[in-house]
Amino acid sequence: MKIFNIPKKTLSMLIALYALMGCSPTVKIEPPDKPIVINLNVKIEHEIKIKVDKELDELLADDELF
């Protein structure tokens, strides 16, 4: 008397599948030992343009202020 009516090919494929699932790789995520260092070598150049009224420009040019 058979308990399970499963063909031998199907049974062998199921056993092989379970064996392959047991050998699945594991993934570990670990933090690094050293801190992460990001070097930013950035050269920042900027120009500042000041617009001066004509009267102030003349006053500064006359050296009456100082």
N, C-alpha and C. Protein backbone atom coordinates (compact mmCIF):
# COMPACT_ATOMS: atom_id res chain seq x y z
N MET A 1 0.84 -1.18 0.00
CA MET A 1 0.00 0.00 0.00
C MET A 1 0.88 1.25 0.00
N LYS A 2 0.67 2.16 -0.95
CA LYS A 2 1.44 3.38 -1.04
C LYS A 2 0.70 4.50 -0.32
N ILE A 3 1.49 5.26 0.47
CA ILE A 3 0.89 6.40 1.18
C ILE A 3 0.79 7.60 0.24
N PHE A 4 1.90 7.88 -0.48
CA PHE A 4 1.93 8.99 -1.43
C PHE A 4 2.01 8.43 -2.83
N ASN A 5 1.24 8.97 -3.72
CA ASN A 5 1.27 8.52 -5.11
C ASN A 5 2.06 9.56 -5.92
N ILE A 6 3.38 9.68 -5.66
CA ILE A 6 4.24 10.65 -6.33
C ILE A 6 5.23 9.88 -7.19
N PRO A 7 5.37 10.28 -8.46
CA PRO A 7 6.36 9.60 -9.32
C PRO A 7 7.78 9.81 -8.80
N LYS A 8 8.67 8.90 -9.16
CA LYS A 8 10.05 8.95 -8.66
C LYS A 8 10.78 10.20 -9.16
N LYS A 9 10.52 10.63 -10.39
CA LYS A 9 11.18 11.83 -10.92
C LYS A 9 10.78 13.07 -10.11
N THR A 10 9.52 13.18 -9.81
CA THR A 10 9.04 14.34 -9.04
C THR A 10 9.62 14.32 -7.64
N LEU A 11 9.67 13.15 -7.04
CA LEU A 11 10.22 13.02 -5.70
C LEU A 11 11.71 13.37 -5.68
N SER A 12 12.44 12.90 -6.68
CA SER A 12 13.87 13.21 -6.73
C SER A 12 14.10 14.70 -7.00
N MET A 13 13.24 15.35 -7.80
CA MET A 13 13.37 16.79 -8.04
C MET A 13 13.07 17.58 -6.77
N LEU A 14 12.10 17.14 -6.00
CA LEU A 14 11.78 17.81 -4.74
C LEU A 14 12.93 17.69 -3.75
N ILE A 15 13.53 16.52 -3.68
CA ILE A 15 14.67 16.32 -2.77
C ILE A 15 15.84 17.19 -3.20
N ALA A 16 16.10 17.27 -4.53
CA ALA A 16 17.19 18.11 -5.03
C ALA A 16 16.90 19.59 -4.74
N LEU A 17 15.65 19.99 -4.88
CA LEU A 17 15.27 21.37 -4.60
C LEU A 17 15.48 21.72 -3.13
N TYR A 18 15.09 20.85 -2.25
CA TYR A 18 15.30 21.09 -0.81
C TYR A 18 16.79 21.12 -0.47
N ALA A 19 17.58 20.29 -1.14
CA ALA A 19 19.02 20.29 -0.89
C ALA A 19 19.65 21.60 -1.36
N LEU A 20 19.21 22.11 -2.51
CA LEU A 20 19.73 23.39 -3.01
C LEU A 20 19.30 24.56 -2.13
N MET A 21 18.11 24.50 -1.58
CA MET A 21 17.65 25.58 -0.70
C MET A 21 18.45 25.60 0.60
N GLY A 22 18.92 24.45 1.03
CA GLY A 22 19.75 24.40 2.23
C GLY A 22 21.12 24.98 2.02
N CYS A 23 21.58 25.07 0.78
CA CYS A 23 22.89 25.60 0.47
C CYS A 23 22.85 27.05 -0.01
N SER A 24 21.77 27.73 0.24
CA SER A 24 21.65 29.11 -0.24
C SER A 24 22.62 30.01 0.53
N PRO A 25 23.24 30.97 -0.17
CA PRO A 25 24.21 31.85 0.50
C PRO A 25 23.53 32.84 1.44
N THR A 26 24.24 33.22 2.47
CA THR A 26 23.72 34.21 3.40
C THR A 26 24.43 35.53 3.15
N VAL A 27 23.73 36.61 3.37
CA VAL A 27 24.27 37.94 3.15
C VAL A 27 24.40 38.62 4.51
N LYS A 28 25.62 39.09 4.82
CA LYS A 28 25.85 39.80 6.06
C LYS A 28 26.15 41.26 5.75
N ILE A 29 25.54 42.14 6.49
CA ILE A 29 25.81 43.57 6.36
C ILE A 29 26.47 44.02 7.66
N GLU A 30 27.73 44.41 7.55
CA GLU A 30 28.47 44.85 8.72
C GLU A 30 28.99 46.26 8.50
N PRO A 31 28.98 47.09 9.53
CA PRO A 31 29.55 48.44 9.37
C PRO A 31 31.07 48.35 9.26
N PRO A 32 31.69 49.30 8.56
CA PRO A 32 33.15 49.26 8.43
C PRO A 32 33.82 49.58 9.76
N ASP A 33 35.07 49.09 9.89
CA ASP A 33 35.83 49.33 11.12
C ASP A 33 36.26 50.78 11.24
N LYS A 34 36.63 51.39 10.11
CA LYS A 34 37.09 52.77 10.11
C LYS A 34 35.96 53.68 9.63
N PRO A 35 35.94 54.93 10.08
CA PRO A 35 34.90 55.84 9.60
C PRO A 35 35.11 56.18 8.12
N ILE A 36 34.04 56.53 7.47
CA ILE A 36 34.11 56.90 6.06
C ILE A 36 34.60 58.34 5.96
N VAL A 37 35.64 58.56 5.16
CA VAL A 37 36.24 59.88 4.99
C VAL A 37 35.96 60.35 3.57
N ILE A 38 35.41 61.55 3.45
CA ILE A 38 35.14 62.14 2.14
C ILE A 38 35.97 63.40 2.04
N ASN A 39 36.91 63.41 1.12
CA ASN A 39 37.76 64.58 0.90
C ASN A 39 37.14 65.45 -0.17
N LEU A 40 36.85 66.68 0.19
CA LEU A 40 36.30 67.62 -0.77
C LEU A 40 37.32 68.71 -1.02
N ASN A 41 38.02 68.60 -2.09
CA ASN A 41 38.99 69.62 -2.49
C ASN A 41 38.27 70.56 -3.45
N VAL A 42 37.66 71.57 -2.90
CA VAL A 42 36.86 72.49 -3.69
C VAL A 42 37.46 73.87 -3.59
N LYS A 43 37.66 74.47 -4.72
CA LYS A 43 38.18 75.83 -4.75
C LYS A 43 37.00 76.76 -5.03
N ILE A 44 36.75 77.64 -4.10
CA ILE A 44 35.62 78.55 -4.23
C ILE A 44 36.16 79.94 -4.51
N GLU A 45 35.76 80.48 -5.62
CA GLU A 45 36.12 81.84 -5.99
C GLU A 45 34.84 82.62 -6.21
N HIS A 46 34.82 83.82 -5.72
CA HIS A 46 33.64 84.64 -5.94
C HIS A 46 34.04 86.11 -6.04
N GLU A 47 33.23 86.84 -6.70
CA GLU A 47 33.44 88.27 -6.84
C GLU A 47 32.29 88.99 -6.17
N ILE A 48 32.65 90.04 -5.49
CA ILE A 48 31.62 90.87 -4.88
C ILE A 48 31.70 92.23 -5.56
N LYS A 49 30.64 92.58 -6.20
CA LYS A 49 30.57 93.86 -6.88
C LYS A 49 29.66 94.78 -6.09
N ILE A 50 30.17 95.96 -5.76
CA ILE A 50 29.40 96.93 -5.00
C ILE A 50 29.10 98.11 -5.90
N LYS A 51 27.86 98.43 -5.95
CA LYS A 51 27.45 99.55 -6.76
C LYS A 51 27.33 100.76 -5.82
N VAL A 52 28.09 101.78 -6.11
CA VAL A 52 28.11 102.96 -5.26
C VAL A 52 27.47 104.12 -6.01
N ASP A 53 26.70 104.89 -5.29
CA ASP A 53 26.10 106.07 -5.90
C ASP A 53 27.18 107.03 -6.36
N LYS A 54 26.86 107.85 -7.31
CA LYS A 54 27.84 108.81 -7.84
C LYS A 54 28.30 109.77 -6.76
N GLU A 55 27.39 110.20 -5.92
CA GLU A 55 27.75 111.17 -4.88
C GLU A 55 28.74 110.55 -3.88
N LEU A 56 28.50 109.32 -3.49
CA LEU A 56 29.43 108.67 -2.56
C LEU A 56 30.77 108.42 -3.23
N ASP A 57 30.74 108.06 -4.49
CA ASP A 57 31.99 107.84 -5.21
C ASP A 57 32.81 109.13 -5.29
N GLU A 58 32.16 110.23 -5.55
CA GLU A 58 32.86 111.52 -5.60
C GLU A 58 33.38 111.91 -4.22
N LEU A 59 32.61 111.65 -3.20
CA LEU A 59 33.01 111.99 -1.83
C LEU A 59 34.24 111.17 -1.43
N LEU A 60 34.27 109.92 -1.77
CA LEU A 60 35.42 109.10 -1.44
C LEU A 60 36.64 109.46 -2.28
N ALA A 61 36.41 109.91 -3.50
CA ALA A 61 37.52 110.28 -4.38
C ALA A 61 38.16 111.60 -3.95
N ASP A 62 37.41 112.48 -3.32
CA ASP A 62 37.93 113.78 -2.90
C ASP A 62 38.75 113.70 -1.62
N ASP A 63 38.72 112.61 -0.94
CA ASP A 63 39.41 112.41 0.33
C ASP A 63 38.98 113.42 1.39
N GLU A 64 37.77 113.91 1.28
CA GLU A 64 37.25 114.82 2.30
C GLU A 64 36.74 114.03 3.51
N LEU A 65 36.44 112.81 3.31
CA LEU A 65 35.88 112.01 4.39
C LEU A 65 36.93 111.61 5.39
N PHE A 66 38.15 111.31 4.96
CA PHE A 66 39.18 110.83 5.87
C PHE A 66 40.22 111.87 6.11
